[in-house]
Structure formats: C-alpha cells, structure tokens
Amino acid sequence: MNMNHRCDNPGCVRWDHLFDGSHKEGMQDRNNKFRQAKGTKLPWAKLTEADVKKIRENGGKGASYLSREYGISRSTIESVLLGHTWKHVQ
C-alpha cells in the first residue's frame, strides 16, 4: 500500500490530502496531472527535441551513422526512430 497526495504540494502535511492507493495508481495520478518529466527536463537527457526531429528526418542514414554523429548508442537511436522514446516530439 502507498499513500498518494491530492494537492501535490511537497511541503503539505495535511492528513486529509492523503489517500490510499497502489504504486500503479500513484503513477496514473502523476500522468493524469502531467507531472512526468520528459525530454530535456530529465537531467540525464543527451538529446534535445531538435536533435530528435533531425534524427527522425535522417533515419535513412542508418542507426550506426547517427549514433556516431550524436555520440549516443545505436540502441538509443533505434528507440528514437521506432518511436519508443521521445513520443512527445512530433
């Protein structure tokens, strides 16, 4: 069991703002409130939204070529090209 928070204010200590829920329900609540960090808001992001667009435009050059060009792994390039990552970038 997890305790989830209604107002999402980290400093809030009001008991009536807490509710029981599973981890999955907490993650759904987070996603419904658009509190999930994406793209360059993640501290470990090695690409920008502009990079992702260029990678997708140049996908025909091949994942190996693009991985060398951007200095990231081939599997990361493939995930971008297949739309498994950076889904919010069109």
PDB file of N, CA and C in Angstrom:
ATOM      1  N   MET A   1       0.847  -1.182   0.000  1.00  0.00           N
ATOM      2  CA  MET A   1       0.000   0.000   0.000  1.00  0.00           C
ATOM      3  C   MET A   1       0.890   1.241   0.000  1.00  0.00           C
ATOM      4  N   ASN A   2       0.505   2.226  -0.743  1.00  0.00           N
ATOM      5  CA  ASN A   2       1.183   3.517  -0.798  1.00  0.00           C
ATOM      6  C   ASN A   2       0.214   4.605  -0.383  1.00  0.00           C
ATOM      7  N   MET A   3       0.777   5.718   0.027  1.00  0.00           N
ATOM      8  CA  MET A   3      -0.038   6.890   0.298  1.00  0.00           C
ATOM      9  C   MET A   3       0.216   7.880  -0.839  1.00  0.00           C
ATOM     10  N   ASN A   4      -0.846   8.307  -1.450  1.00  0.00           N
ATOM     11  CA  ASN A   4      -0.760   9.290  -2.526  1.00  0.00           C
ATOM     12  C   ASN A   4      -1.267  10.623  -2.005  1.00  0.00           C
ATOM     13  N   HIS A   5      -0.950  11.688  -2.714  1.00  0.00           N
ATOM     14  CA  HIS A   5      -1.229  13.041  -2.236  1.00  0.00           C
ATOM     15  C   HIS A   5      -2.099  13.792  -3.231  1.00  0.00           C
ATOM     16  N   ARG A   6      -3.174  14.370  -2.755  1.00  0.00           N
ATOM     17  CA  ARG A   6      -4.126  15.057  -3.637  1.00  0.00           C
ATOM     18  C   ARG A   6      -3.617  16.393  -4.181  1.00  0.00           C
ATOM     19  N   CYS A   7      -3.011  17.219  -3.344  1.00  0.00           N
ATOM     20  CA  CYS A   7      -2.667  18.575  -3.794  1.00  0.00           C
ATOM     21  C   CYS A   7      -1.281  18.661  -4.427  1.00  0.00           C
ATOM     22  N   ASP A   8      -0.467  17.642  -4.298  1.00  0.00           N
ATOM     23  CA  ASP A   8       0.840  17.578  -4.932  1.00  0.00           C
ATOM     24  C   ASP A   8       1.789  18.695  -4.516  1.00  0.00           C
ATOM     25  N   ASN A   9       1.567  19.254  -3.353  1.00  0.00           N
ATOM     26  CA  ASN A   9       2.466  20.255  -2.797  1.00  0.00           C
ATOM     27  C   ASN A   9       3.446  19.528  -1.886  1.00  0.00           C
ATOM     28  N   PRO A  10       4.745  19.468  -2.237  1.00  0.00           N
ATOM     29  CA  PRO A  10       5.699  18.693  -1.444  1.00  0.00           C
ATOM     30  C   PRO A  10       5.756  19.103   0.022  1.00  0.00           C
ATOM     31  N   GLY A  11       5.489  20.363   0.327  1.00  0.00           N
ATOM     32  CA  GLY A  11       5.547  20.831   1.709  1.00  0.00           C
ATOM     33  C   GLY A  11       4.277  20.596   2.507  1.00  0.00           C
ATOM     34  N   CYS A  12       3.238  20.123   1.862  1.00  0.00           N
ATOM     35  CA  CYS A  12       1.954  19.934   2.535  1.00  0.00           C
ATOM     36  C   CYS A  12       2.022  18.760   3.501  1.00  0.00           C
ATOM     37  N   VAL A  13       1.482  18.954   4.698  1.00  0.00           N
ATOM     38  CA  VAL A  13       1.467  17.896   5.712  1.00  0.00           C
ATOM     39  C   VAL A  13       0.044  17.596   6.196  1.00  0.00           C
ATOM     40  N   ARG A  14      -0.942  18.011   5.437  1.00  0.00           N
ATOM     41  CA  ARG A  14      -2.337  17.781   5.850  1.00  0.00           C
ATOM     42  C   ARG A  14      -2.730  16.333   5.596  1.00  0.00           C
ATOM     43  N   TRP A  15      -3.205  15.662   6.644  1.00  0.00           N
ATOM     44  CA  TRP A  15      -3.610  14.264   6.542  1.00  0.00           C
ATOM     45  C   TRP A  15      -4.772  14.077   5.581  1.00  0.00           C
ATOM     46  N   ASP A  16      -5.670  15.070   5.504  1.00  0.00           N
ATOM     47  CA  ASP A  16      -6.837  14.918   4.640  1.00  0.00           C
ATOM     48  C   ASP A  16      -6.480  15.045   3.156  1.00  0.00           C
ATOM     49  N   HIS A  17      -5.228  15.344   2.849  1.00  0.00           N
ATOM     50  CA  HIS A  17      -4.789  15.392   1.453  1.00  0.00           C
ATOM     51  C   HIS A  17      -4.181  14.066   0.998  1.00  0.00           C
ATOM     52  N   LEU A  18      -4.115  13.087   1.896  1.00  0.00           N
ATOM     53  CA  LEU A  18      -3.552  11.779   1.567  1.00  0.00           C
ATOM     54  C   LEU A  18      -4.651  10.787   1.247  1.00  0.00           C
ATOM     55  N   PHE A  19      -4.324   9.846   0.358  1.00  0.00           N
ATOM     56  CA  PHE A  19      -5.278   8.772   0.081  1.00  0.00           C
ATOM     57  C   PHE A  19      -4.518   7.495  -0.216  1.00  0.00           C
ATOM     58  N   ASP A  20      -5.133   6.370   0.161  1.00  0.00           N
ATOM     59  CA  ASP A  20      -4.537   5.059  -0.100  1.00  0.00           C
ATOM     60  C   ASP A  20      -4.546   4.774  -1.590  1.00  0.00           C
ATOM     61  N   GLY A  21      -3.536   4.095  -2.032  1.00  0.00           N
ATOM     62  CA  GLY A  21      -3.502   3.681  -3.430  1.00  0.00           C
ATOM     63  C   GLY A  21      -2.262   2.853  -3.700  1.00  0.00           C
ATOM     64  N   SER A  22      -2.319   2.101  -4.751  1.00  0.00           N
ATOM     65  CA  SER A  22      -1.175   1.288  -5.156  1.00  0.00           C
ATOM     66  C   SER A  22      -0.143   2.174  -5.853  1.00  0.00           C
ATOM     67  N   HIS A  23       1.032   1.620  -6.075  1.00  0.00           N
ATOM     68  CA  HIS A  23       2.065   2.333  -6.825  1.00  0.00           C
ATOM     69  C   HIS A  23       1.551   2.670  -8.228  1.00  0.00           C
ATOM     70  N   LYS A  24       0.878   1.712  -8.845  1.00  0.00           N
ATOM     71  CA  LYS A  24       0.335   1.917 -10.194  1.00  0.00           C
ATOM     72  C   LYS A  24      -0.661   3.078 -10.198  1.00  0.00           C
ATOM     73  N   GLU A  25      -1.528   3.151  -9.194  1.00  0.00           N
ATOM     74  CA  GLU A  25      -2.496   4.247  -9.115  1.00  0.00           C
ATOM     75  C   GLU A  25      -1.788   5.583  -8.921  1.00  0.00           C
ATOM     76  N   GLY A  26      -0.699   5.582  -8.150  1.00  0.00           N
ATOM     77  CA  GLY A  26       0.077   6.807  -7.970  1.00  0.00           C
ATOM     78  C   GLY A  26       0.696   7.279  -9.273  1.00  0.00           C
ATOM     79  N   MET A  27       1.209   6.325 -10.061  1.00  0.00           N
ATOM     80  CA  MET A  27       1.803   6.678 -11.349  1.00  0.00           C
ATOM     81  C   MET A  27       0.735   7.173 -12.326  1.00  0.00           C
ATOM     82  N   GLN A  28      -0.452   6.564 -12.277  1.00  0.00           N
ATOM     83  CA  GLN A  28      -1.548   7.032 -13.134  1.00  0.00           C
ATOM     84  C   GLN A  28      -1.963   8.440 -12.738  1.00  0.00           C
ATOM     85  N   ASP A  29      -2.013   8.717 -11.431  1.00  0.00           N
ATOM     86  CA  ASP A  29      -2.354  10.049 -10.936  1.00  0.00           C
ATOM     87  C   ASP A  29      -1.319  11.064 -11.422  1.00  0.00           C
ATOM     88  N   ARG A  30      -0.046  10.709 -11.326  1.00  0.00           N
ATOM     89  CA  ARG A  30       1.036  11.575 -11.797  1.00  0.00           C
ATOM     90  C   ARG A  30       0.874  11.889 -13.282  1.00  0.00           C
ATOM     91  N   ASN A  31       0.618  10.859 -14.078  1.00  0.00           N
ATOM     92  CA  ASN A  31       0.480  11.053 -15.519  1.00  0.00           C
ATOM     93  C   ASN A  31      -0.756  11.865 -15.865  1.00  0.00           C
ATOM     94  N   ASN A  32      -1.857  11.636 -15.159  1.00  0.00           N
ATOM     95  CA  ASN A  32      -3.091  12.390 -15.407  1.00  0.00           C
ATOM     96  C   ASN A  32      -2.917  13.872 -15.118  1.00  0.00           C
ATOM     97  N   LYS A  33      -2.014  14.190 -14.191  1.00  0.00           N
ATOM     98  CA  LYS A  33      -1.764  15.588 -13.825  1.00  0.00           C
ATOM     99  C   LYS A  33      -0.579  16.172 -14.602  1.00  0.00           C
ATOM    100  N   PHE A  34      -0.056  15.420 -15.553  1.00  0.00           N
ATOM    101  CA  PHE A  34       1.059  15.859 -16.398  1.00  0.00           C
ATOM    102  C   PHE A  34       2.273  16.286 -15.570  1.00  0.00           C
ATOM    103  N   ARG A  35       2.604  15.490 -14.551  1.00  0.00           N
ATOM    104  CA  ARG A  35       3.755  15.783 -13.705  1.00  0.00           C
ATOM    105  C   ARG A  35       4.958  14.924 -14.062  1.00  0.00           C
ATOM    106  N   GLN A  36       4.910  14.195 -15.157  1.00  0.00           N
ATOM    107  CA  GLN A  36       6.020  13.336 -15.565  1.00  0.00           C
ATOM    108  C   GLN A  36       7.013  14.149 -16.377  1.00  0.00           C
ATOM    109  N   ALA A  37       8.254  14.184 -15.931  1.00  0.00           N
ATOM    110  CA  ALA A  37       9.304  14.889 -16.674  1.00  0.00           C
ATOM    111  C   ALA A  37       9.570  14.153 -17.984  1.00  0.00           C
ATOM    112  N   LYS A  38       9.779  14.927 -19.046  1.00  0.00           N
ATOM    113  CA  LYS A  38      10.048  14.353 -20.362  1.00  0.00           C
ATOM    114  C   LYS A  38      11.175  15.119 -21.026  1.00  0.00           C
ATOM    115  N   GLY A  39      11.816  14.449 -21.951  1.00  0.00           N
ATOM    116  CA  GLY A  39      12.797  15.104 -22.805  1.00  0.00           C
ATOM    117  C   GLY A  39      13.904  15.801 -22.043  1.00  0.00           C
ATOM    118  N   THR A  40      14.164  17.045 -22.383  1.00  0.00           N
ATOM    119  CA  THR A  40      15.271  17.789 -21.794  1.00  0.00           C
ATOM    120  C   THR A  40      15.034  18.152 -20.335  1.00  0.00           C
ATOM    121  N   LYS A  41      13.839  17.924 -19.824  1.00  0.00           N
ATOM    122  CA  LYS A  41      13.587  18.161 -18.392  1.00  0.00           C
ATOM    123  C   LYS A  41      14.180  17.050 -17.531  1.00  0.00           C
ATOM    124  N   LEU A  42      14.575  15.947 -18.162  1.00  0.00           N
ATOM    125  CA  LEU A  42      15.255  14.871 -17.450  1.00  0.00           C
ATOM    126  C   LEU A  42      16.738  15.220 -17.361  1.00  0.00           C
ATOM    127  N   PRO A  43      17.329  15.126 -16.183  1.00  0.00           N
ATOM    128  CA  PRO A  43      18.727  15.554 -16.036  1.00  0.00           C
ATOM    129  C   PRO A  43      19.721  14.734 -16.841  1.00  0.00           C
ATOM    130  N   TRP A  44      19.376  13.525 -17.219  1.00  0.00           N
ATOM    131  CA  TRP A  44      20.304  12.672 -17.964  1.00  0.00           C
ATOM    132  C   TRP A  44      20.074  12.697 -19.480  1.00  0.00           C
ATOM    133  N   ALA A  45      19.192  13.553 -19.948  1.00  0.00           N
ATOM    134  CA  ALA A  45      18.902  13.621 -21.386  1.00  0.00           C
ATOM    135  C   ALA A  45      20.154  14.029 -22.154  1.00  0.00           C
ATOM    136  N   LYS A  46      20.456  13.285 -23.212  1.00  0.00           N
ATOM    137  CA  LYS A  46      21.614  13.588 -24.054  1.00  0.00           C
ATOM    138  C   LYS A  46      21.187  14.214 -25.381  1.00  0.00           C
ATOM    139  N   LEU A  47      19.891  14.243 -25.631  1.00  0.00           N
ATOM    140  CA  LEU A  47      19.360  14.811 -26.856  1.00  0.00           C
ATOM    141  C   LEU A  47      18.418  15.960 -26.520  1.00  0.00           C
ATOM    142  N   THR A  48      18.195  16.806 -27.488  1.00  0.00           N
ATOM    143  CA  THR A  48      17.172  17.841 -27.380  1.00  0.00           C
ATOM    144  C   THR A  48      16.021  17.465 -28.307  1.00  0.00           C
ATOM    145  N   GLU A  49      14.918  18.163 -28.192  1.00  0.00           N
ATOM    146  CA  GLU A  49      13.800  17.918 -29.083  1.00  0.00           C
ATOM    147  C   GLU A  49      14.212  18.166 -30.536  1.00  0.00           C
ATOM    148  N   ALA A  50      15.044  19.188 -30.764  1.00  0.00           N
ATOM    149  CA  ALA A  50      15.529  19.482 -32.127  1.00  0.00           C
ATOM    150  C   ALA A  50      16.385  18.326 -32.652  1.00  0.00           C
ATOM    151  N   ASP A  51      17.229  17.748 -31.783  1.00  0.00           N
ATOM    152  CA  ASP A  51      18.027  16.589 -32.193  1.00  0.00           C
ATOM    153  C   ASP A  51      17.135  15.432 -32.618  1.00  0.00           C
ATOM    154  N   VAL A  52      16.095  15.181 -31.835  1.00  0.00           N
ATOM    155  CA  VAL A  52      15.189  14.064 -32.124  1.00  0.00           C
ATOM    156  C   VAL A  52      14.522  14.252 -33.484  1.00  0.00           C
ATOM    157  N   LYS A  53      14.097  15.481 -33.768  1.00  0.00           N
ATOM    158  CA  LYS A  53      13.474  15.744 -35.065  1.00  0.00           C
ATOM    159  C   LYS A  53      14.458  15.497 -36.205  1.00  0.00           C
ATOM    160  N   LYS A  54      15.707  15.942 -36.033  1.00  0.00           N
ATOM    161  CA  LYS A  54      16.724  15.732 -37.072  1.00  0.00           C
ATOM    162  C   LYS A  54      17.039  14.255 -37.237  1.00  0.00           C
ATOM    163  N   ILE A  55      17.117  13.534 -36.137  1.00  0.00           N
ATOM    164  CA  ILE A  55      17.384  12.089 -36.205  1.00  0.00           C
ATOM    165  C   ILE A  55      16.280  11.400 -36.999  1.00  0.00           C
ATOM    166  N   ARG A  56      15.049  11.752 -36.712  1.00  0.00           N
ATOM    167  CA  ARG A  56      13.927  11.124 -37.428  1.00  0.00           C
ATOM    168  C   ARG A  56      13.919  11.508 -38.902  1.00  0.00           C
ATOM    169  N   GLU A  57      14.283  12.743 -39.211  1.00  0.00           N
ATOM    170  CA  GLU A  57      14.348  13.172 -40.613  1.00  0.00           C
ATOM    171  C   GLU A  57      15.452  12.439 -41.366  1.00  0.00           C
ATOM    172  N   ASN A  58      16.538  12.105 -40.662  1.00  0.00           N
ATOM    173  CA  ASN A  58      17.710  11.480 -41.285  1.00  0.00           C
ATOM    174  C   ASN A  58      17.817   9.991 -40.988  1.00  0.00           C
ATOM    175  N   GLY A  59      16.703   9.375 -40.618  1.00  0.00           N
ATOM    176  CA  GLY A  59      16.710   7.961 -40.273  1.00  0.00           C
ATOM    177  C   GLY A  59      17.236   7.054 -41.364  1.00  0.00           C
ATOM    178  N   GLY A  60      17.128   7.482 -42.604  1.00  0.00           N
ATOM    179  CA  GLY A  60      17.607   6.687 -43.722  1.00  0.00           C
ATOM    180  C   GLY A  60      19.122   6.525 -43.756  1.00  0.00           C
ATOM    181  N   LYS A  61      19.828   7.373 -43.021  1.00  0.00           N
ATOM    182  CA  LYS A  61      21.289   7.269 -42.982  1.00  0.00           C
ATOM    183  C   LYS A  61      21.750   6.072 -42.160  1.00  0.00           C
ATOM    184  N   GLY A  62      20.858   5.531 -41.351  1.00  0.00           N
ATOM    185  CA  GLY A  62      21.196   4.352 -40.549  1.00  0.00           C
ATOM    186  C   GLY A  62      21.513   4.690 -39.103  1.00  0.00           C
ATOM    187  N   ALA A  63      21.153   3.779 -38.245  1.00  0.00           N
ATOM    188  CA  ALA A  63      21.330   3.987 -36.806  1.00  0.00           C
ATOM    189  C   ALA A  63      22.804   4.065 -36.419  1.00  0.00           C
ATOM    190  N   SER A  64      23.655   3.285 -37.054  1.00  0.00           N
ATOM    191  CA  SER A  64      25.086   3.310 -36.719  1.00  0.00           C
ATOM    192  C   SER A  64      25.698   4.671 -37.037  1.00  0.00           C
ATOM    193  N   TYR A  65      25.382   5.186 -38.218  1.00  0.00           N
ATOM    194  CA  TYR A  65      25.889   6.503 -38.615  1.00  0.00           C
ATOM    195  C   TYR A  65      25.395   7.573 -37.642  1.00  0.00           C
ATOM    196  N   LEU A  66      24.087   7.576 -37.349  1.00  0.00           N
ATOM    197  CA  LEU A  66      23.512   8.593 -36.464  1.00  0.00           C
ATOM    198  C   LEU A  66      24.049   8.479 -35.044  1.00  0.00           C
ATOM    199  N   SER A  67      24.315   7.269 -34.587  1.00  0.00           N
ATOM    200  CA  SER A  67      24.848   7.116 -33.229  1.00  0.00           C
ATOM    201  C   SER A  67      26.242   7.738 -33.122  1.00  0.00           C
ATOM    202  N   ARG A  68      27.047   7.595 -34.152  1.00  0.00           N
ATOM    203  CA  ARG A  68      28.370   8.237 -34.152  1.00  0.00           C
ATOM    204  C   ARG A  68      28.233   9.763 -34.241  1.00  0.00           C
ATOM    205  N   GLU A  69      27.298  10.211 -35.065  1.00  0.00           N
ATOM    206  CA  GLU A  69      27.109  11.653 -35.251  1.00  0.00           C
ATOM    207  C   GLU A  69      26.665  12.342 -33.963  1.00  0.00           C
ATOM    208  N   TYR A  70      25.787  11.689 -33.188  1.00  0.00           N
ATOM    209  CA  TYR A  70      25.248  12.294 -31.971  1.00  0.00           C
ATOM    210  C   TYR A  70      25.947  11.824 -30.696  1.00  0.00           C
ATOM    211  N   GLY A  71      26.860  10.882 -30.828  1.00  0.00           N
ATOM    212  CA  GLY A  71      27.609  10.419 -29.669  1.00  0.00           C
ATOM    213  C   GLY A  71      26.788   9.642 -28.661  1.00  0.00           C
ATOM    214  N   ILE A  72      25.799   8.917 -29.149  1.00  0.00           N
ATOM    215  CA  ILE A  72      24.968   8.087 -28.283  1.00  0.00           C
ATOM    216  C   ILE A  72      24.886   6.683 -28.877  1.00  0.00           C
ATOM    217  N   SER A  73      24.345   5.763 -28.114  1.00  0.00           N
ATOM    218  CA  SER A  73      24.324   4.371 -28.561  1.00  0.00           C
ATOM    219  C   SER A  73      23.375   4.152 -29.735  1.00  0.00           C
ATOM    220  N   ARG A  74      23.679   3.121 -30.474  1.00  0.00           N
ATOM    221  CA  ARG A  74      22.840   2.726 -31.615  1.00  0.00           C
ATOM    222  C   ARG A  74      21.433   2.364 -31.137  1.00  0.00           C
ATOM    223  N   SER A  75      21.343   1.685 -29.984  1.00  0.00           N
ATOM    224  CA  SER A  75      20.021   1.291 -29.470  1.00  0.00           C
ATOM    225  C   SER A  75      19.182   2.504 -29.102  1.00  0.00           C
ATOM    226  N   THR A  76      19.833   3.571 -28.624  1.00  0.00           N
ATOM    227  CA  THR A  76      19.091   4.803 -28.315  1.00  0.00           C
ATOM    228  C   THR A  76      18.543   5.415 -29.597  1.00  0.00           C
ATOM    229  N   ILE A  77      19.360   5.446 -30.638  1.00  0.00           N
ATOM    230  CA  ILE A  77      18.905   5.964 -31.940  1.00  0.00           C
ATOM    231  C   ILE A  77      17.724   5.139 -32.442  1.00  0.00           C
ATOM    232  N   GLU A  78      17.840   3.817 -32.355  1.00  0.00           N
ATOM    233  CA  GLU A  78      16.760   2.947 -32.819  1.00  0.00           C
ATOM    234  C   GLU A  78      15.473   3.195 -32.042  1.00  0.00           C
ATOM    235  N   SER A  79      15.582   3.410 -30.730  1.00  0.00           N
ATOM    236  CA  SER A  79      14.392   3.692 -29.920  1.00  0.00           C
ATOM    237  C   SER A  79      13.728   4.998 -30.350  1.00  0.00           C
ATOM    238  N   VAL A  80      14.554   5.993 -30.692  1.00  0.00           N
ATOM    239  CA  VAL A  80      14.012   7.267 -31.189  1.00  0.00           C
ATOM    240  C   VAL A  80      13.319   7.048 -32.524  1.00  0.00           C
ATOM    241  N   LEU A  81      13.975   6.346 -33.429  1.00  0.00           N
ATOM    242  CA  LEU A  81      13.418   6.125 -34.768  1.00  0.00           C
ATOM    243  C   LEU A  81      12.129   5.307 -34.744  1.00  0.00           C
ATOM    244  N   LEU A  82      12.060   4.343 -33.836  1.00  0.00           N
ATOM    245  CA  LEU A  82      10.870   3.493 -33.738  1.00  0.00           C
ATOM    246  C   LEU A  82       9.745   4.147 -32.932  1.00  0.00           C
ATOM    247  N   GLY A  83      10.040   5.288 -32.310  1.00  0.00           N
ATOM    248  CA  GLY A  83       9.024   5.979 -31.520  1.00  0.00           C
ATOM    249  C   GLY A  83       8.811   5.393 -30.139  1.00  0.00           C
ATOM    250  N   HIS A  84       9.776   4.593 -29.671  1.00  0.00           N
ATOM    251  CA  HIS A  84       9.657   4.037 -28.320  1.00  0.00           C
ATOM    252  C   HIS A  84      10.020   5.065 -27.264  1.00  0.00           C
ATOM    253  N   THR A  85      10.859   6.025 -27.638  1.00  0.00           N
ATOM    254  CA  THR A  85      11.233   7.112 -26.741  1.00  0.00           C
ATOM    255  C   THR A  85      10.938   8.430 -27.430  1.00  0.00           C
ATOM    256  N   TRP A  86      10.908   9.490 -26.658  1.00  0.00           N
ATOM    257  CA  TRP A  86      10.637  10.839 -27.163  1.00  0.00           C
ATOM    258  C   TRP A  86       9.305  10.878 -27.908  1.00  0.00           C
ATOM    259  N   LYS A  87       8.317  10.192 -27.354  1.00  0.00           N
ATOM    260  CA  LYS A  87       6.995  10.101 -28.002  1.00  0.00           C
ATOM    261  C   LYS A  87       6.313  11.464 -28.104  1.00  0.00           C
ATOM    262  N   HIS A  88       6.663  12.377 -27.223  1.00  0.00           N
ATOM    263  CA  HIS A  88       6.012  13.680 -27.218  1.00  0.00           C
ATOM    264  C   HIS A  88       6.519  14.599 -28.338  1.00  0.00           C
ATOM    265  N   VAL A  89       7.579  14.193 -29.030  1.00  0.00           N
ATOM    266  CA  VAL A  89       8.130  15.005 -30.131  1.00  0.00           C
ATOM    267  C   VAL A  89       7.560  14.512 -31.445  1.00  0.00           C
ATOM    268  N   GLN A  90       6.944  15.406 -32.177  1.00  0.00           N
ATOM    269  CA  GLN A  90       6.346  15.043 -33.472  1.00  0.00           C
ATOM    270  C   GLN A  90       7.207  15.471 -34.610  1.00  0.00           C
TER     271      GLN A  90
END
